[in-house]
N, C-alpha and C. Protein backbone atom coordinates (compact mmCIF):
# COMPACT_ATOMS: atom_id res chain seq x y z
N MET A 1 138.19 81.03 156.54
CA MET A 1 137.79 81.82 155.37
C MET A 1 138.41 83.22 155.37
N GLN A 2 138.56 83.83 156.56
CA GLN A 2 139.09 85.10 156.68
C GLN A 2 140.47 85.32 155.88
N GLN A 3 141.35 84.20 156.00
CA GLN A 3 142.67 84.20 155.38
C GLN A 3 142.51 84.60 153.81
N TYR A 4 141.49 84.29 153.28
CA TYR A 4 141.35 84.45 151.84
C TYR A 4 140.83 85.93 151.46
N LEU A 5 140.32 86.66 152.57
CA LEU A 5 139.78 87.98 152.24
C LEU A 5 140.98 89.05 152.53
N ILE A 6 141.94 88.71 153.04
CA ILE A 6 143.07 89.59 153.31
C ILE A 6 144.19 89.30 152.24
N PRO A 7 144.47 90.27 151.31
CA PRO A 7 145.55 89.82 150.35
C PRO A 7 146.91 89.77 150.97
N HIS A 8 147.64 88.85 150.68
CA HIS A 8 149.04 88.66 151.20
C HIS A 8 150.04 89.36 150.20
N ARG A 9 150.76 90.19 150.76
CA ARG A 9 151.85 90.83 150.03
C ARG A 9 153.08 89.84 149.87
N ILE A 10 153.45 89.63 148.66
CA ILE A 10 154.68 88.82 148.51
C ILE A 10 155.85 89.72 148.19
N GLY A 11 156.83 89.57 148.91
CA GLY A 11 158.06 90.34 148.58
C GLY A 11 158.60 90.84 150.01
N ASP A 12 159.95 91.15 149.92
CA ASP A 12 160.57 91.69 151.08
C ASP A 12 160.84 93.16 150.87
N ASP A 13 160.43 93.94 151.82
CA ASP A 13 160.61 95.47 151.68
C ASP A 13 162.16 95.79 151.39
N ARG A 14 163.12 94.90 151.85
CA ARG A 14 164.53 95.29 151.61
C ARG A 14 164.83 95.26 150.12
N LEU A 15 164.13 94.55 149.26
CA LEU A 15 164.22 94.52 147.85
C LEU A 15 164.18 95.93 147.15
N LEU A 16 163.37 96.73 148.03
CA LEU A 16 163.07 98.19 147.49
C LEU A 16 164.29 99.10 147.65
N ILE A 17 165.32 98.74 148.30
CA ILE A 17 166.53 99.48 148.56
C ILE A 17 167.40 99.31 147.35
N PRO A 18 167.67 100.39 146.56
CA PRO A 18 168.56 100.19 145.38
C PRO A 18 169.88 99.64 145.84
N GLY A 19 170.33 98.65 145.09
CA GLY A 19 171.62 98.08 145.30
C GLY A 19 171.61 96.93 146.27
N TRP A 20 170.52 96.60 146.92
CA TRP A 20 170.42 95.51 147.98
C TRP A 20 170.26 94.25 147.40
N ALA A 21 169.48 94.05 146.36
CA ALA A 21 168.88 92.77 145.93
C ALA A 21 169.91 91.99 145.15
N GLY A 22 170.76 92.46 144.43
CA GLY A 22 171.65 91.57 143.59
C GLY A 22 170.87 91.10 142.43
N GLU A 23 171.04 89.78 142.12
CA GLU A 23 170.25 89.09 141.06
C GLU A 23 168.85 88.95 141.58
N LEU A 24 167.87 89.27 140.70
CA LEU A 24 166.55 89.25 141.01
C LEU A 24 165.85 87.97 140.42
N SER A 25 164.96 87.29 141.15
CA SER A 25 164.15 86.25 140.48
C SER A 25 162.93 87.04 139.84
N ASP A 26 162.22 86.19 139.03
CA ASP A 26 161.05 86.86 138.42
C ASP A 26 159.95 87.40 139.34
N PRO A 27 159.68 86.62 140.47
CA PRO A 27 158.71 87.21 141.47
C PRO A 27 159.11 88.45 142.17
N GLU A 28 160.46 88.46 142.39
CA GLU A 28 161.09 89.72 143.10
C GLU A 28 161.00 90.85 142.08
N LEU A 29 161.26 90.62 140.76
CA LEU A 29 161.13 91.67 139.84
C LEU A 29 159.82 92.16 139.82
N ALA A 30 158.82 91.28 139.71
CA ALA A 30 157.35 91.71 139.65
C ALA A 30 156.87 92.52 140.89
N PHE A 31 157.42 92.11 142.11
CA PHE A 31 157.21 92.78 143.38
C PHE A 31 157.79 94.27 143.32
N ILE A 32 158.92 94.40 142.83
CA ILE A 32 159.66 95.70 142.79
C ILE A 32 158.92 96.61 141.72
N GLU A 33 158.60 96.06 140.59
CA GLU A 33 157.91 96.87 139.71
C GLU A 33 156.47 97.25 139.97
N GLU A 34 155.77 96.45 140.70
CA GLU A 34 154.52 96.85 141.19
C GLU A 34 154.64 97.92 142.26
N GLN A 35 155.71 97.79 143.15
CA GLN A 35 155.83 98.87 144.20
C GLN A 35 156.17 100.20 143.47
N LEU A 36 157.13 100.21 142.44
CA LEU A 36 157.51 101.33 141.83
C LEU A 36 156.45 102.03 140.99
N ARG A 37 155.56 101.26 140.36
CA ARG A 37 154.49 101.86 139.68
C ARG A 37 153.42 102.48 140.66
N GLY A 38 153.37 102.02 141.86
CA GLY A 38 152.46 102.51 142.88
C GLY A 38 153.04 103.74 143.68
N SER A 39 154.32 104.09 143.49
CA SER A 39 154.80 105.03 144.29
C SER A 39 155.81 105.98 143.50
N ARG A 40 155.34 107.22 143.38
CA ARG A 40 156.14 108.15 142.58
C ARG A 40 157.45 108.46 143.38
N ARG A 41 157.37 108.58 144.75
CA ARG A 41 158.49 108.81 145.55
C ARG A 41 159.47 107.67 145.38
N LEU A 42 159.12 106.39 145.50
CA LEU A 42 159.96 105.37 145.25
C LEU A 42 160.63 105.28 143.96
N SER A 43 159.88 105.61 142.99
CA SER A 43 160.37 105.67 141.61
C SER A 43 161.53 106.71 141.49
N LYS A 44 161.35 107.82 141.99
CA LYS A 44 162.32 108.95 142.08
C LYS A 44 163.60 108.42 142.85
N LYS A 45 163.40 107.71 143.90
CA LYS A 45 164.51 107.23 144.75
C LYS A 45 165.34 106.15 143.87
N TRP A 46 164.67 105.48 142.95
CA TRP A 46 165.30 104.59 142.05
C TRP A 46 165.88 105.26 140.77
N GLY A 47 165.63 106.50 140.59
CA GLY A 47 166.15 107.20 139.63
C GLY A 47 165.28 107.15 138.34
N ILE A 48 164.05 106.64 138.54
CA ILE A 48 163.12 106.51 137.40
C ILE A 48 162.18 107.80 137.36
N ILE A 49 162.36 108.73 136.37
CA ILE A 49 161.61 109.87 136.32
C ILE A 49 160.69 109.87 135.01
N ASN A 50 160.97 109.07 134.09
CA ASN A 50 160.14 109.16 132.81
C ASN A 50 159.21 107.96 132.73
N LEU A 51 158.88 107.33 133.93
CA LEU A 51 158.04 106.21 133.98
C LEU A 51 158.45 104.99 133.01
N ASP A 52 159.71 104.88 132.96
CA ASP A 52 160.29 103.71 132.15
C ASP A 52 160.62 102.59 133.08
N TYR A 53 159.74 101.57 133.35
CA TYR A 53 159.84 100.61 134.37
C TYR A 53 160.32 99.25 133.59
N SER A 54 161.39 99.45 132.83
CA SER A 54 161.90 98.27 132.05
C SER A 54 162.55 97.23 132.99
N GLU A 55 162.44 96.11 132.60
CA GLU A 55 163.06 95.05 133.36
C GLU A 55 164.54 95.18 133.44
N GLU A 56 165.30 95.58 132.43
CA GLU A 56 166.65 95.78 132.50
C GLU A 56 167.06 96.87 133.48
N GLY A 57 166.28 98.02 133.39
CA GLY A 57 166.56 99.10 134.22
C GLY A 57 166.30 98.76 135.81
N ILE A 58 165.27 98.02 136.00
CA ILE A 58 164.97 97.69 137.42
C ILE A 58 166.08 96.66 137.90
N ARG A 59 166.51 95.75 137.14
CA ARG A 59 167.59 94.71 137.42
C ARG A 59 168.86 95.49 137.67
N GLN A 60 169.18 96.46 136.87
CA GLN A 60 170.37 97.16 137.15
C GLN A 60 170.55 97.95 138.41
N VAL A 61 169.59 98.69 138.67
CA VAL A 61 169.29 99.46 139.88
C VAL A 61 169.35 98.51 141.11
N ALA A 62 168.51 97.43 141.12
CA ALA A 62 168.53 96.42 142.17
C ALA A 62 169.88 95.89 142.53
N SER A 63 170.76 95.53 141.45
CA SER A 63 172.02 95.04 141.79
C SER A 63 173.11 96.02 142.03
N ALA A 64 173.10 97.24 141.27
CA ALA A 64 174.15 98.02 141.37
C ALA A 64 173.83 99.38 142.25
N GLY A 65 172.61 99.60 142.44
CA GLY A 65 172.25 100.79 143.21
C GLY A 65 172.30 102.02 142.34
N ILE A 66 172.22 103.28 143.03
CA ILE A 66 172.12 104.53 142.33
C ILE A 66 173.32 105.33 142.94
N LYS A 67 174.05 106.00 142.15
CA LYS A 67 175.10 106.91 142.57
C LYS A 67 174.38 108.26 142.76
N PRO A 68 174.60 108.94 143.90
CA PRO A 68 173.93 110.27 144.16
C PRO A 68 174.22 111.28 143.16
N GLU A 69 175.45 111.25 142.54
CA GLU A 69 175.71 112.20 141.40
C GLU A 69 174.96 112.05 140.11
N CYS A 70 174.34 110.78 140.01
CA CYS A 70 173.58 110.34 138.82
C CYS A 70 172.13 110.93 138.87
N LEU A 71 171.65 111.05 140.10
CA LEU A 71 170.22 111.39 140.25
C LEU A 71 170.03 112.89 139.61
N PRO A 72 168.75 112.96 138.97
CA PRO A 72 167.58 112.16 139.10
C PRO A 72 167.47 111.07 138.25
N PHE A 73 168.36 110.77 137.32
CA PHE A 73 168.12 109.65 136.47
C PHE A 73 169.57 109.00 135.94
N CYS A 74 169.78 107.85 136.40
CA CYS A 74 171.15 107.30 136.00
C CYS A 74 171.03 106.20 134.93
N TRP A 75 169.87 105.59 134.78
CA TRP A 75 169.78 104.57 133.79
C TRP A 75 169.15 105.00 132.59
N GLU A 76 169.75 104.73 131.50
CA GLU A 76 168.95 104.96 130.09
C GLU A 76 168.89 103.69 129.38
N PRO A 77 167.72 103.44 128.71
CA PRO A 77 167.67 102.22 127.93
C PRO A 77 168.66 102.36 126.63
N PRO A 78 169.15 101.17 126.26
CA PRO A 78 170.12 101.18 125.14
C PRO A 78 169.42 101.68 123.90
N LYS A 79 170.29 102.37 123.12
CA LYS A 79 169.83 103.02 121.84
C LYS A 79 169.69 101.84 120.86
N LEU A 80 168.55 101.78 120.10
CA LEU A 80 168.45 100.66 119.05
C LEU A 80 168.92 101.29 117.69
């Protein structure tokens, strides 16, 4: 019964390193987004300063990383 009382975290902490993950599966994307929403420091490390946790932005940073000269924000959503 104890095993059901302790929530299990799904996801590899290495996914939180910008540029490490490459192509993300949907569960990996959900894990990263949850972690980003819960940590202002991690969001800043990912270059997200305007609380725009878009799928496209997360996938881009997960695969390509962040260039130091781009910080504090490298990714901008496409103009419609």
